[in-house]
Amino acid sequence: MTAADRHIPPMDSDERTTLEAWLDFQRQTLLRKCDGLADAQLRSASVPPSPLTLQGLVQHMAEVERNWFRRIVGGEDVPPIYDAAPHDHGHDGGFELADGGSFADAVSTWQGEVAAARGNCAGAALDDTNAFMGAAVSLRWVYLHMIGEYARHNGHADLIRERIDGATGV
């Protein structure tokens, strides 16, 4: 998946296709927000005092993909991707940048998590549920949650990108 792969979701499709297309649209939007920037810009915290960066958002979304689609939907026992020490954010981590970690590495890791997510969802129905916080959560709910999670962070990415180079509506 590249930034150029973004497609408008179908406007008259079934529920599953619509949810998957909107999630992919939001995933692709995050990459578009980062497109054309140098590594230093992608690692730049552009809205002080916040340390939030575009690379940190990509890393965070890899953690979120892993949590929902591998741990919850897939039932896998997988560790966090990024060592968030000393804050140990676990599934909510990834925001902090490791020394030497490149944006290309972050995107590759994120793409791996997206591929795993697709694999874990391929055989599941929207009404299938998995245990979460003492309750059951459906795949439909997870898809909707992830669309919202990406949309929220894409808004953050908009602001960061505008502060870096003035680009809006990317």
N, C-alpha and C. Protein backbone atom coordinates (compact mmCIF):
# COMPACT_ATOMS: atom_id res chain seq x y z
N MET A 1 0.85 -1.18 0.00
CA MET A 1 0.00 0.00 0.00
C MET A 1 0.89 1.23 0.00
N THR A 2 0.59 2.14 -0.91
CA THR A 2 1.32 3.41 -0.97
C THR A 2 0.33 4.55 -0.86
N ALA A 3 0.86 5.76 -0.70
CA ALA A 3 -0.01 6.94 -0.59
C ALA A 3 -0.84 7.11 -1.85
N ALA A 4 -0.33 6.70 -2.99
CA ALA A 4 -1.05 6.87 -4.25
C ALA A 4 -2.21 5.88 -4.39
N ASP A 5 -2.30 4.88 -3.51
CA ASP A 5 -3.33 3.85 -3.62
C ASP A 5 -4.68 4.25 -3.06
N ARG A 6 -4.84 5.46 -2.60
CA ARG A 6 -6.09 5.84 -1.93
C ARG A 6 -7.23 5.92 -2.93
N HIS A 7 -8.30 5.21 -2.61
CA HIS A 7 -9.49 5.19 -3.46
C HIS A 7 -10.70 5.59 -2.63
N ILE A 8 -11.60 6.34 -3.24
CA ILE A 8 -12.85 6.70 -2.57
C ILE A 8 -13.66 5.42 -2.36
N PRO A 9 -14.16 5.21 -1.14
CA PRO A 9 -14.96 4.01 -0.89
C PRO A 9 -16.23 3.99 -1.75
N PRO A 10 -16.70 2.79 -2.11
CA PRO A 10 -17.92 2.70 -2.92
C PRO A 10 -19.10 3.30 -2.17
N MET A 11 -20.00 3.91 -2.91
CA MET A 11 -21.13 4.59 -2.28
C MET A 11 -22.40 3.74 -2.23
N ASP A 12 -22.34 2.52 -2.79
CA ASP A 12 -23.55 1.70 -2.82
C ASP A 12 -23.25 0.22 -2.66
N SER A 13 -22.36 -0.09 -1.74
CA SER A 13 -21.94 -1.46 -1.56
C SER A 13 -22.53 -2.06 -0.29
N ASP A 14 -22.28 -3.35 -0.08
CA ASP A 14 -22.74 -4.01 1.13
C ASP A 14 -21.94 -3.50 2.34
N GLU A 15 -22.43 -3.82 3.52
CA GLU A 15 -21.84 -3.29 4.75
C GLU A 15 -20.37 -3.67 4.91
N ARG A 16 -20.03 -4.91 4.70
CA ARG A 16 -18.65 -5.36 4.90
C ARG A 16 -17.70 -4.63 3.95
N THR A 17 -18.07 -4.57 2.69
CA THR A 17 -17.23 -3.89 1.71
C THR A 17 -17.08 -2.42 2.06
N THR A 18 -18.16 -1.81 2.51
CA THR A 18 -18.13 -0.39 2.88
C THR A 18 -17.20 -0.15 4.07
N LEU A 19 -17.33 -0.97 5.11
CA LEU A 19 -16.48 -0.81 6.29
C LEU A 19 -15.01 -1.02 5.94
N GLU A 20 -14.71 -2.06 5.19
CA GLU A 20 -13.32 -2.33 4.82
C GLU A 20 -12.76 -1.23 3.93
N ALA A 21 -13.58 -0.72 3.01
CA ALA A 21 -13.12 0.34 2.11
C ALA A 21 -12.86 1.63 2.87
N TRP A 22 -13.72 1.97 3.85
CA TRP A 22 -13.49 3.18 4.63
C TRP A 22 -12.26 3.04 5.52
N LEU A 23 -12.04 1.86 6.07
CA LEU A 23 -10.83 1.65 6.88
C LEU A 23 -9.60 1.79 6.00
N ASP A 24 -9.62 1.20 4.82
CA ASP A 24 -8.48 1.34 3.91
C ASP A 24 -8.28 2.79 3.48
N PHE A 25 -9.36 3.51 3.25
CA PHE A 25 -9.27 4.92 2.88
C PHE A 25 -8.56 5.70 3.99
N GLN A 26 -8.93 5.45 5.23
CA GLN A 26 -8.30 6.15 6.35
C GLN A 26 -6.83 5.73 6.50
N ARG A 27 -6.55 4.45 6.30
CA ARG A 27 -5.15 3.99 6.35
C ARG A 27 -4.32 4.72 5.30
N GLN A 28 -4.83 4.77 4.10
CA GLN A 28 -4.12 5.39 2.99
C GLN A 28 -3.98 6.90 3.20
N THR A 29 -4.96 7.50 3.83
CA THR A 29 -4.90 8.94 4.12
C THR A 29 -3.71 9.24 5.03
N LEU A 30 -3.47 8.40 6.03
CA LEU A 30 -2.33 8.63 6.92
C LEU A 30 -1.02 8.65 6.12
N LEU A 31 -0.87 7.73 5.19
CA LEU A 31 0.35 7.74 4.36
C LEU A 31 0.44 9.00 3.51
N ARG A 32 -0.69 9.45 2.98
CA ARG A 32 -0.69 10.66 2.15
C ARG A 32 -0.24 11.88 2.95
N LYS A 33 -0.59 11.92 4.23
CA LYS A 33 -0.19 13.05 5.07
C LYS A 33 1.34 13.11 5.21
N CYS A 34 2.00 11.98 5.02
CA CYS A 34 3.45 11.88 5.19
C CYS A 34 4.20 11.96 3.86
N ASP A 35 3.49 11.86 2.77
CA ASP A 35 4.11 11.75 1.45
C ASP A 35 4.94 12.99 1.10
N GLY A 36 6.15 12.74 0.60
CA GLY A 36 7.00 13.82 0.10
C GLY A 36 7.84 14.52 1.13
N LEU A 37 7.79 14.08 2.38
CA LEU A 37 8.59 14.72 3.43
C LEU A 37 9.87 13.94 3.68
N ALA A 38 10.91 14.64 4.09
CA ALA A 38 12.18 14.02 4.46
C ALA A 38 12.04 13.37 5.84
N ASP A 39 12.91 12.40 6.12
CA ASP A 39 12.88 11.71 7.41
C ASP A 39 12.91 12.69 8.58
N ALA A 40 13.75 13.70 8.48
CA ALA A 40 13.84 14.67 9.58
C ALA A 40 12.50 15.37 9.80
N GLN A 41 11.78 15.69 8.74
CA GLN A 41 10.47 16.32 8.88
C GLN A 41 9.46 15.36 9.48
N LEU A 42 9.52 14.11 9.08
CA LEU A 42 8.59 13.10 9.60
C LEU A 42 8.83 12.81 11.08
N ARG A 43 10.03 13.09 11.54
CA ARG A 43 10.39 12.90 12.94
C ARG A 43 10.28 14.20 13.75
N SER A 44 9.86 15.26 13.09
CA SER A 44 9.82 16.57 13.71
C SER A 44 8.52 16.78 14.49
N ALA A 45 8.67 17.18 15.75
CA ALA A 45 7.51 17.56 16.56
C ALA A 45 7.22 19.01 16.24
N SER A 46 6.19 19.24 15.47
CA SER A 46 5.98 20.57 14.92
C SER A 46 5.01 21.45 15.70
N VAL A 47 4.43 20.93 16.77
CA VAL A 47 3.48 21.72 17.55
C VAL A 47 3.86 21.67 19.03
N PRO A 48 4.95 22.36 19.39
CA PRO A 48 5.37 22.35 20.79
C PRO A 48 4.26 22.83 21.71
N PRO A 49 4.13 22.30 22.91
CA PRO A 49 5.08 21.41 23.57
C PRO A 49 4.84 19.93 23.27
N SER A 50 3.88 19.60 22.41
CA SER A 50 3.61 18.20 22.11
C SER A 50 4.79 17.56 21.36
N PRO A 51 5.15 16.33 21.74
CA PRO A 51 6.21 15.62 21.02
C PRO A 51 5.66 14.81 19.83
N LEU A 52 4.38 14.96 19.50
CA LEU A 52 3.75 14.17 18.45
C LEU A 52 4.37 14.44 17.09
N THR A 53 4.69 13.35 16.37
CA THR A 53 5.29 13.44 15.04
C THR A 53 4.49 12.58 14.07
N LEU A 54 4.71 12.80 12.78
CA LEU A 54 4.06 11.97 11.77
C LEU A 54 4.57 10.53 11.86
N GLN A 55 5.86 10.34 12.05
CA GLN A 55 6.37 8.99 12.20
C GLN A 55 5.79 8.32 13.44
N GLY A 56 5.68 9.07 14.51
CA GLY A 56 5.08 8.53 15.73
C GLY A 56 3.63 8.10 15.52
N LEU A 57 2.89 8.83 14.69
CA LEU A 57 1.51 8.43 14.38
C LEU A 57 1.48 7.12 13.62
N VAL A 58 2.37 6.95 12.66
CA VAL A 58 2.43 5.69 11.89
C VAL A 58 2.79 4.54 12.83
N GLN A 59 3.78 4.76 13.69
CA GLN A 59 4.17 3.73 14.66
C GLN A 59 3.01 3.40 15.59
N HIS A 60 2.31 4.42 16.06
CA HIS A 60 1.18 4.20 16.95
C HIS A 60 0.10 3.38 16.26
N MET A 61 -0.17 3.70 15.00
CA MET A 61 -1.23 2.96 14.31
C MET A 61 -0.82 1.51 14.05
N ALA A 62 0.46 1.24 13.93
CA ALA A 62 0.91 -0.15 13.86
C ALA A 62 0.57 -0.87 15.17
N GLU A 63 0.79 -0.19 16.29
CA GLU A 63 0.44 -0.77 17.60
C GLU A 63 -1.06 -0.99 17.72
N VAL A 64 -1.85 -0.03 17.26
CA VAL A 64 -3.31 -0.13 17.34
C VAL A 64 -3.81 -1.27 16.46
N GLU A 65 -3.29 -1.36 15.23
CA GLU A 65 -3.65 -2.47 14.34
C GLU A 65 -3.34 -3.80 15.03
N ARG A 66 -2.16 -3.89 15.62
CA ARG A 66 -1.75 -5.12 16.30
C ARG A 66 -2.70 -5.44 17.44
N ASN A 67 -3.04 -4.45 18.23
CA ASN A 67 -3.90 -4.70 19.38
C ASN A 67 -5.27 -5.22 18.95
N TRP A 68 -5.93 -4.50 18.08
CA TRP A 68 -7.30 -4.87 17.74
C TRP A 68 -7.39 -6.10 16.84
N PHE A 69 -6.56 -6.15 15.83
CA PHE A 69 -6.74 -7.22 14.85
C PHE A 69 -5.93 -8.48 15.15
N ARG A 70 -4.84 -8.36 15.88
CA ARG A 70 -4.08 -9.56 16.22
C ARG A 70 -4.43 -10.05 17.62
N ARG A 71 -4.42 -9.16 18.62
CA ARG A 71 -4.71 -9.60 19.98
C ARG A 71 -6.20 -9.89 20.18
N ILE A 72 -7.05 -8.96 19.79
CA ILE A 72 -8.48 -9.11 20.06
C ILE A 72 -9.15 -10.02 19.02
N VAL A 73 -9.12 -9.66 17.74
CA VAL A 73 -9.79 -10.45 16.71
C VAL A 73 -9.10 -11.79 16.50
N GLY A 74 -7.77 -11.78 16.44
CA GLY A 74 -7.04 -13.01 16.15
C GLY A 74 -6.69 -13.85 17.35
N GLY A 75 -6.83 -13.29 18.55
CA GLY A 75 -6.51 -14.03 19.77
C GLY A 75 -5.03 -14.34 19.92
N GLU A 76 -4.17 -13.58 19.24
CA GLU A 76 -2.74 -13.82 19.31
C GLU A 76 -2.14 -13.17 20.56
N ASP A 77 -1.15 -13.82 21.12
CA ASP A 77 -0.42 -13.28 22.26
C ASP A 77 0.88 -12.68 21.72
N VAL A 78 0.81 -11.41 21.29
CA VAL A 78 1.97 -10.75 20.70
C VAL A 78 2.37 -9.55 21.55
N PRO A 79 3.67 -9.32 21.66
CA PRO A 79 4.15 -8.19 22.48
C PRO A 79 4.00 -6.87 21.73
N PRO A 80 4.16 -5.75 22.44
CA PRO A 80 4.17 -4.46 21.75
C PRO A 80 5.30 -4.43 20.72
N ILE A 81 5.12 -3.66 19.69
CA ILE A 81 6.13 -3.52 18.64
C ILE A 81 7.25 -2.60 19.11
N TYR A 82 6.87 -1.48 19.68
CA TYR A 82 7.83 -0.45 20.07
C TYR A 82 7.98 -0.44 21.57
N ASP A 83 9.21 -0.43 22.03
CA ASP A 83 9.48 -0.35 23.46
C ASP A 83 9.19 1.07 23.90
N ALA A 84 8.11 1.24 24.62
CA ALA A 84 7.69 2.57 25.04
C ALA A 84 8.33 2.99 26.36
N ALA A 85 9.27 2.20 26.86
CA ALA A 85 9.91 2.55 28.13
C ALA A 85 10.46 3.97 28.04
N PRO A 86 10.36 4.76 29.06
CA PRO A 86 9.94 4.37 30.40
C PRO A 86 8.43 4.48 30.63
N HIS A 87 7.66 4.81 29.62
CA HIS A 87 6.22 5.03 29.84
C HIS A 87 5.37 3.78 29.66
N ASP A 88 5.87 2.75 29.02
CA ASP A 88 5.19 1.47 28.83
C ASP A 88 3.71 1.64 28.49
N HIS A 89 3.45 2.17 27.30
CA HIS A 89 2.07 2.38 26.85
C HIS A 89 1.43 1.13 26.27
N GLY A 90 2.19 0.09 26.01
CA GLY A 90 1.63 -1.15 25.47
C GLY A 90 0.91 -0.90 24.16
N HIS A 91 -0.38 -1.30 24.12
CA HIS A 91 -1.14 -1.16 22.88
C HIS A 91 -1.38 0.29 22.49
N ASP A 92 -1.15 1.20 23.39
CA ASP A 92 -1.39 2.61 23.12
C ASP A 92 -0.08 3.34 22.82
N GLY A 93 0.99 2.60 22.66
CA GLY A 93 2.30 3.19 22.46
C GLY A 93 2.62 3.47 21.01
N GLY A 94 3.93 3.59 20.78
CA GLY A 94 4.42 3.84 19.43
C GLY A 94 4.69 5.29 19.14
N PHE A 95 4.16 6.19 19.95
CA PHE A 95 4.34 7.61 19.68
C PHE A 95 5.79 8.06 19.82
N GLU A 96 6.51 7.47 20.77
CA GLU A 96 7.89 7.87 21.02
C GLU A 96 8.81 7.28 19.95
N LEU A 97 9.74 8.09 19.47
CA LEU A 97 10.64 7.66 18.41
C LEU A 97 11.92 7.08 19.00
N ALA A 98 12.31 5.94 18.46
CA ALA A 98 13.58 5.34 18.86
C ALA A 98 14.69 5.98 18.05
N ASP A 99 15.85 6.10 18.66
CA ASP A 99 17.01 6.61 17.93
C ASP A 99 17.30 5.69 16.75
N GLY A 100 17.45 6.29 15.58
CA GLY A 100 17.82 5.52 14.41
C GLY A 100 16.68 4.83 13.68
N GLY A 101 15.50 4.82 14.24
CA GLY A 101 14.36 4.20 13.57
C GLY A 101 13.90 5.07 12.41
N SER A 102 13.92 4.52 11.21
CA SER A 102 13.56 5.32 10.04
C SER A 102 12.05 5.28 9.77
N PHE A 103 11.59 6.24 9.00
CA PHE A 103 10.20 6.25 8.59
C PHE A 103 9.90 5.04 7.72
N ALA A 104 10.81 4.68 6.84
CA ALA A 104 10.61 3.51 5.98
C ALA A 104 10.41 2.25 6.83
N ASP A 105 11.17 2.13 7.91
CA ASP A 105 11.00 0.98 8.81
C ASP A 105 9.62 1.02 9.48
N ALA A 106 9.21 2.21 9.90
CA ALA A 106 7.90 2.36 10.55
C ALA A 106 6.77 1.99 9.59
N VAL A 107 6.88 2.43 8.34
CA VAL A 107 5.84 2.11 7.35
C VAL A 107 5.84 0.61 7.07
N SER A 108 7.00 0.01 6.95
CA SER A 108 7.07 -1.43 6.69
C SER A 108 6.43 -2.22 7.83
N THR A 109 6.71 -1.83 9.06
CA THR A 109 6.12 -2.49 10.22
C THR A 109 4.61 -2.30 10.21
N TRP A 110 4.15 -1.09 9.95
CA TRP A 110 2.72 -0.80 9.90
C TRP A 110 2.05 -1.62 8.80
N GLN A 111 2.67 -1.69 7.62
CA GLN A 111 2.10 -2.47 6.52
C GLN A 111 2.00 -3.95 6.89
N GLY A 112 2.97 -4.44 7.63
CA GLY A 112 2.91 -5.83 8.10
C GLY A 112 1.73 -6.05 9.02
N GLU A 113 1.46 -5.09 9.89
CA GLU A 113 0.31 -5.20 10.79
C GLU A 113 -1.01 -5.10 10.03
N VAL A 114 -1.05 -4.25 9.02
CA VAL A 114 -2.27 -4.14 8.19
C VAL A 114 -2.51 -5.47 7.47
N ALA A 115 -1.46 -6.07 6.94
CA ALA A 115 -1.60 -7.36 6.26
C ALA A 115 -2.10 -8.44 7.23
N ALA A 116 -1.55 -8.45 8.44
CA ALA A 116 -2.00 -9.41 9.45
C ALA A 116 -3.46 -9.16 9.81
N ALA A 117 -3.84 -7.90 9.89
CA ALA A 117 -5.23 -7.56 10.19
C ALA A 117 -6.16 -8.12 9.12
N ARG A 118 -5.80 -7.90 7.89
CA ARG A 118 -6.64 -8.42 6.79
C ARG A 118 -6.75 -9.95 6.87
N GLY A 119 -5.64 -10.59 7.16
CA GLY A 119 -5.65 -12.05 7.28
C GLY A 119 -6.55 -12.53 8.40
N ASN A 120 -6.48 -11.87 9.54
CA ASN A 120 -7.29 -12.28 10.69
C ASN A 120 -8.77 -11.99 10.48
N CYS A 121 -9.10 -11.04 9.64
CA CYS A 121 -10.51 -10.69 9.41
C CYS A 121 -11.12 -11.45 8.25
N ALA A 122 -10.30 -12.00 7.38
CA ALA A 122 -10.79 -12.61 6.14
C ALA A 122 -11.86 -13.67 6.37
N GLY A 123 -11.70 -14.50 7.36
CA GLY A 123 -12.66 -15.57 7.59
C GLY A 123 -13.71 -15.26 8.64
N ALA A 124 -13.70 -14.05 9.16
CA ALA A 124 -14.63 -13.68 10.23
C ALA A 124 -15.83 -12.92 9.69
N ALA A 125 -16.97 -13.15 10.31
CA ALA A 125 -18.18 -12.40 9.98
C ALA A 125 -18.25 -11.14 10.83
N LEU A 126 -18.95 -10.14 10.35
CA LEU A 126 -19.08 -8.89 11.10
C LEU A 126 -19.69 -9.12 12.48
N ASP A 127 -20.55 -10.12 12.62
CA ASP A 127 -21.20 -10.40 13.90
C ASP A 127 -20.37 -11.29 14.82
N ASP A 128 -19.25 -11.83 14.33
CA ASP A 128 -18.38 -12.65 15.18
C ASP A 128 -17.85 -11.78 16.31
N THR A 129 -17.78 -12.36 17.50
CA THR A 129 -17.30 -11.60 18.65
C THR A 129 -16.07 -12.25 19.26
N ASN A 130 -15.33 -11.43 19.97
CA ASN A 130 -14.15 -11.85 20.71
C ASN A 130 -14.19 -11.17 22.07
N ALA A 131 -13.51 -11.78 23.03
CA ALA A 131 -13.48 -11.23 24.38
C ALA A 131 -12.69 -9.93 24.40
N PHE A 132 -13.25 -8.96 25.12
CA PHE A 132 -12.56 -7.68 25.31
C PHE A 132 -13.08 -7.03 26.58
N MET A 133 -12.20 -6.83 27.54
CA MET A 133 -12.51 -6.15 28.80
C MET A 133 -13.75 -6.74 29.48
N GLY A 134 -13.80 -8.05 29.54
CA GLY A 134 -14.89 -8.73 30.22
C GLY A 134 -16.20 -8.76 29.45
N ALA A 135 -16.19 -8.37 28.20
CA ALA A 135 -17.40 -8.39 27.38
C ALA A 135 -17.05 -9.00 26.02
N ALA A 136 -18.01 -8.96 25.13
CA ALA A 136 -17.78 -9.43 23.77
C ALA A 136 -17.81 -8.22 22.84
N VAL A 137 -16.88 -8.21 21.89
CA VAL A 137 -16.82 -7.12 20.93
C VAL A 137 -16.90 -7.74 19.53
N SER A 138 -17.75 -7.17 18.68
CA SER A 138 -17.92 -7.72 17.33
C SER A 138 -16.88 -7.14 16.38
N LEU A 139 -16.64 -7.87 15.30
CA LEU A 139 -15.74 -7.37 14.27
C LEU A 139 -16.29 -6.06 13.69
N ARG A 140 -17.59 -5.94 13.57
CA ARG A 140 -18.21 -4.70 13.09
C ARG A 140 -17.79 -3.52 13.97
N TRP A 141 -17.88 -3.71 15.29
CA TRP A 141 -17.49 -2.66 16.24
C TRP A 141 -16.02 -2.30 16.07
N VAL A 142 -15.17 -3.33 15.90
CA VAL A 142 -13.73 -3.08 15.74
C VAL A 142 -13.47 -2.27 14.47
N TYR A 143 -14.12 -2.64 13.37
CA TYR A 143 -13.96 -1.86 12.14
C TYR A 143 -14.36 -0.40 12.36
N LEU A 144 -15.51 -0.17 12.97
CA LEU A 144 -15.96 1.20 13.21
C LEU A 144 -15.02 1.95 14.14
N HIS A 145 -14.54 1.26 15.17
CA HIS A 145 -13.59 1.89 16.08
C HIS A 145 -12.31 2.29 15.35
N MET A 146 -11.82 1.40 14.50
CA MET A 146 -10.58 1.68 13.77
C MET A 146 -10.74 2.82 12.76
N ILE A 147 -11.89 2.90 12.12
CA ILE A 147 -12.14 4.03 11.21
C ILE A 147 -12.08 5.33 11.99
N GLY A 148 -12.71 5.35 13.16
CA GLY A 148 -12.67 6.54 14.01
C GLY A 148 -11.28 6.85 14.53
N GLU A 149 -10.53 5.82 14.90
CA GLU A 149 -9.16 6.00 15.40
C GLU A 149 -8.28 6.63 14.33
N TYR A 150 -8.36 6.09 13.12
CA TYR A 150 -7.57 6.67 12.03
C TYR A 150 -8.02 8.09 11.72
N ALA A 151 -9.32 8.32 11.65
CA ALA A 151 -9.82 9.66 11.32
C ALA A 151 -9.33 10.69 12.33
N ARG A 152 -9.36 10.32 13.60
CA ARG A 152 -8.89 11.23 14.66
C ARG A 152 -7.41 11.54 14.48
N HIS A 153 -6.61 10.51 14.26
CA HIS A 153 -5.17 10.73 14.10
C HIS A 153 -4.83 11.37 12.76
N ASN A 154 -5.65 11.16 11.75
CA ASN A 154 -5.44 11.88 10.49
C ASN A 154 -5.67 13.37 10.67
N GLY A 155 -6.57 13.73 11.56
CA GLY A 155 -6.73 15.15 11.89
C GLY A 155 -5.48 15.71 12.55
N HIS A 156 -4.89 14.92 13.46
CA HIS A 156 -3.63 15.34 14.06
C HIS A 156 -2.56 15.49 12.98
N ALA A 157 -2.52 14.52 12.07
CA ALA A 157 -1.52 14.55 10.99
C ALA A 157 -1.71 15.78 10.11
N ASP A 158 -2.96 16.18 9.87
CA ASP A 158 -3.23 17.41 9.10
C ASP A 158 -2.53 18.61 9.73
N LEU A 159 -2.71 18.74 11.04
CA LEU A 159 -2.13 19.89 11.74
C LEU A 159 -0.60 19.84 11.73
N ILE A 160 -0.05 18.65 11.96
CA ILE A 160 1.40 18.52 11.96
C ILE A 160 1.95 18.86 10.58
N ARG A 161 1.33 18.30 9.54
CA ARG A 161 1.81 18.54 8.17
C ARG A 161 1.73 20.02 7.82
N GLU A 162 0.65 20.66 8.18
CA GLU A 162 0.52 22.08 7.86
C GLU A 162 1.62 22.90 8.54
N ARG A 163 1.97 22.54 9.77
CA ARG A 163 3.04 23.25 10.47
C ARG A 163 4.41 22.98 9.84
N ILE A 164 4.59 21.80 9.26
CA ILE A 164 5.89 21.47 8.66
C ILE A 164 6.12 22.23 7.37
N ASP A 165 5.15 22.18 6.45
CA ASP A 165 5.38 22.77 5.14
C ASP A 165 4.20 23.53 4.54
N GLY A 166 3.17 23.73 5.35
CA GLY A 166 2.02 24.51 4.88
C GLY A 166 1.02 23.72 4.07
N ALA A 167 1.29 22.45 3.78
CA ALA A 167 0.38 21.64 2.96
C ALA A 167 -0.89 21.33 3.74
N THR A 168 -2.01 21.51 3.09
CA THR A 168 -3.30 21.17 3.67
C THR A 168 -4.09 20.34 2.66
N GLY A 169 -5.03 19.56 3.17
CA GLY A 169 -5.88 18.78 2.29
C GLY A 169 -5.18 17.69 1.54
N VAL A 170 -4.04 17.26 2.04
CA VAL A 170 -3.25 16.22 1.37
C VAL A 170 -4.01 14.91 1.44
